[in-house]
């Protein structure tokens, strides 16, 4: 039976440590699509703020606000059933913490041995060195 190798990676967003096997590893930095999406949105907002500080960004924002206000003035009537822009709160589930004696891949669920680096697979004519994993 082939030994499964796992590496421990720290999620860039929530800082949760998770294990991943060599077959599932494709350069992941996040533990879930949710964390990846949140970080991408934050990076996009940061880029927007930087752009809006430029002259061109200020002018584009000014024009967009004029269009938004003109559209609001056309549709100024609210009905009783209008809920506005309030976003409902997400419910939070608390899970029991289970301490595992062996490591398990976060994505496929296979159990294996934790290593610091995945060994090079040996095909091709590249260097025969190991490559670092995660944020180390």
Protein backbone atom coordinates (compact mmCIF):
# COMPACT_ATOMS: atom_id res chain seq x y z
CA UNK A 1 0.00 0.00 0.00
CA UNK A 2 1.33 3.42 -0.99
CA UNK A 3 2.09 5.85 1.81
CA UNK A 4 0.01 9.07 1.55
CA UNK A 5 2.01 12.24 2.22
CA UNK A 6 0.28 15.29 3.69
CA UNK A 7 1.49 18.86 4.24
CA UNK A 8 0.11 21.29 6.78
CA UNK A 9 -0.91 24.67 5.35
CA UNK A 10 -2.20 27.78 7.12
CA UNK A 11 -5.20 29.46 5.46
CA UNK A 12 -4.31 33.01 4.38
CA UNK A 13 -7.69 34.35 5.51
CA UNK A 14 -8.83 32.54 8.67
CA UNK A 15 -5.36 31.23 9.71
CA UNK A 16 -6.79 27.73 10.21
CA UNK A 17 -4.21 24.96 9.79
CA UNK A 18 -5.29 22.19 7.45
CA UNK A 19 -3.66 19.17 5.81
CA UNK A 20 -3.59 18.44 2.11
CA UNK A 21 -2.30 15.40 0.21
CA UNK A 22 0.05 15.59 -2.74
CA UNK A 23 -2.62 14.59 -5.26
CA UNK A 24 -5.04 17.34 -4.07
CA UNK A 25 -2.37 20.05 -3.77
CA UNK A 26 -2.54 22.60 -6.59
CA UNK A 27 -1.00 25.60 -4.84
CA UNK A 28 -3.89 26.17 -2.43
CA UNK A 29 -3.54 28.96 0.11
CA UNK A 30 -7.10 28.87 1.45
CA UNK A 31 -9.01 26.20 3.36
CA UNK A 32 -12.30 26.80 1.51
CA UNK A 33 -13.87 28.72 -1.39
CA UNK A 34 -15.51 30.99 1.21
CA UNK A 35 -12.13 32.18 2.55
CA UNK A 36 -10.78 32.64 -0.99
CA UNK A 37 -13.83 34.72 -2.01
CA UNK A 38 -13.62 36.94 1.09
CA UNK A 39 -9.92 37.65 0.49
CA UNK A 40 -10.51 38.34 -3.22
CA UNK A 41 -13.30 40.81 -2.34
CA UNK A 42 -11.04 42.57 0.15
CA UNK A 43 -8.24 42.82 -2.43
CA UNK A 44 -10.73 44.18 -5.00
CA UNK A 45 -12.02 46.82 -2.55
CA UNK A 46 -8.45 47.85 -1.76
CA UNK A 47 -7.70 48.22 -5.48
CA UNK A 48 -10.91 50.24 -5.98
CA UNK A 49 -9.95 52.60 -3.14
CA UNK A 50 -6.51 53.11 -4.67
CA UNK A 51 -8.06 53.78 -8.10
CA UNK A 52 -10.62 56.24 -6.69
CA UNK A 53 -7.79 58.34 -5.28
CA UNK A 54 -6.60 59.06 -8.84
CA UNK A 55 -8.07 61.88 -10.96
CA UNK A 56 -9.59 59.45 -13.46
CA UNK A 57 -11.08 57.35 -10.65
CA UNK A 58 -12.63 60.40 -8.98
CA UNK A 59 -14.20 61.51 -12.25
CA UNK A 60 -15.61 58.04 -13.02
CA UNK A 61 -17.01 57.77 -9.47
CA UNK A 62 -18.56 61.24 -9.78
CA UNK A 63 -20.28 60.28 -13.05
CA UNK A 64 -21.54 56.99 -11.59
CA UNK A 65 -23.00 58.80 -8.57
CA UNK A 66 -24.79 61.26 -10.86
CA UNK A 67 -26.31 58.34 -12.82
CA UNK A 68 -27.33 56.60 -9.57
CA UNK A 69 -29.00 59.74 -8.19
CA UNK A 70 -30.85 60.37 -11.47
CA UNK A 71 -32.13 56.78 -11.48
CA UNK A 72 -33.16 57.10 -7.81
CA UNK A 73 -35.12 60.26 -8.51
CA UNK A 74 -37.04 58.47 -11.28
CA UNK A 75 -37.94 55.56 -8.97
CA UNK A 76 -38.46 57.58 -5.80
CA UNK A 77 -41.66 55.87 -4.68
CA UNK A 78 -41.28 53.14 -2.06
CA UNK A 79 -43.97 50.61 -1.32
CA UNK A 80 -44.85 49.03 2.02
CA UNK A 81 -43.38 45.68 0.91
CA UNK A 82 -39.95 47.17 0.12
CA UNK A 83 -37.35 45.78 2.50
CA UNK A 84 -34.56 48.18 1.56
CA UNK A 85 -30.94 47.05 1.44
CA UNK A 86 -30.65 45.38 4.84
CA UNK A 87 -28.68 42.15 4.68
CA UNK A 88 -29.83 39.39 7.07
CA UNK A 89 -27.27 38.05 9.56
CA UNK A 90 -25.71 34.68 8.88
CA UNK A 91 -26.34 32.02 11.47
CA UNK A 92 -23.25 30.54 13.08
CA UNK A 93 -22.98 26.83 13.79
CA UNK A 94 -20.69 25.70 16.58
CA UNK A 95 -19.08 22.31 16.07
CA UNK A 96 -17.51 20.11 18.67
CA UNK A 97 -13.72 20.04 18.47
CA UNK A 98 -12.47 16.56 17.71
CA UNK A 99 -8.78 15.82 18.23
CA UNK A 100 -7.53 13.44 15.55
CA UNK A 101 -4.56 11.19 16.15
CA UNK A 102 -3.73 10.87 12.45
CA UNK A 103 -3.77 13.60 9.83
CA UNK A 104 -6.44 13.65 7.14
CA UNK A 105 -6.54 15.50 3.81
CA UNK A 106 -8.93 18.45 4.08
CA UNK A 107 -10.22 17.91 0.53
CA UNK A 108 -10.35 14.17 -0.23
CA UNK A 109 -10.37 12.77 3.34
CA UNK A 110 -7.48 10.30 2.96
CA UNK A 111 -5.30 9.65 6.02
CA UNK A 112 -1.54 9.91 5.81
CA UNK A 113 1.78 11.04 7.22
CA UNK A 114 2.55 14.76 7.65
CA UNK A 115 5.77 15.96 5.99
CA UNK A 116 7.29 19.44 5.65
CA UNK A 117 7.78 19.16 1.88
CA UNK A 118 6.41 16.99 -0.88
CA UNK A 119 9.25 15.14 -2.63
CA UNK A 120 9.75 15.80 -6.33
CA UNK A 121 7.87 13.22 -8.37
CA UNK A 122 10.89 12.37 -10.51
CA UNK A 123 9.53 12.82 -14.03
CA UNK A 124 10.97 15.33 -16.46
CA UNK A 125 14.46 16.77 -16.48
CA UNK A 126 14.04 19.40 -13.77
CA UNK A 127 15.98 19.69 -10.54
CA UNK A 128 15.62 16.82 -8.09
CA UNK A 129 14.94 19.08 -5.08
CA UNK A 130 11.97 19.48 -2.81
CA UNK A 131 9.65 22.47 -2.95
CA UNK A 132 8.34 24.42 0.05
CA UNK A 133 4.60 24.33 0.78
CA UNK A 134 2.33 27.03 2.16
CA UNK A 135 3.30 30.18 4.06
CA UNK A 136 6.52 28.98 5.64
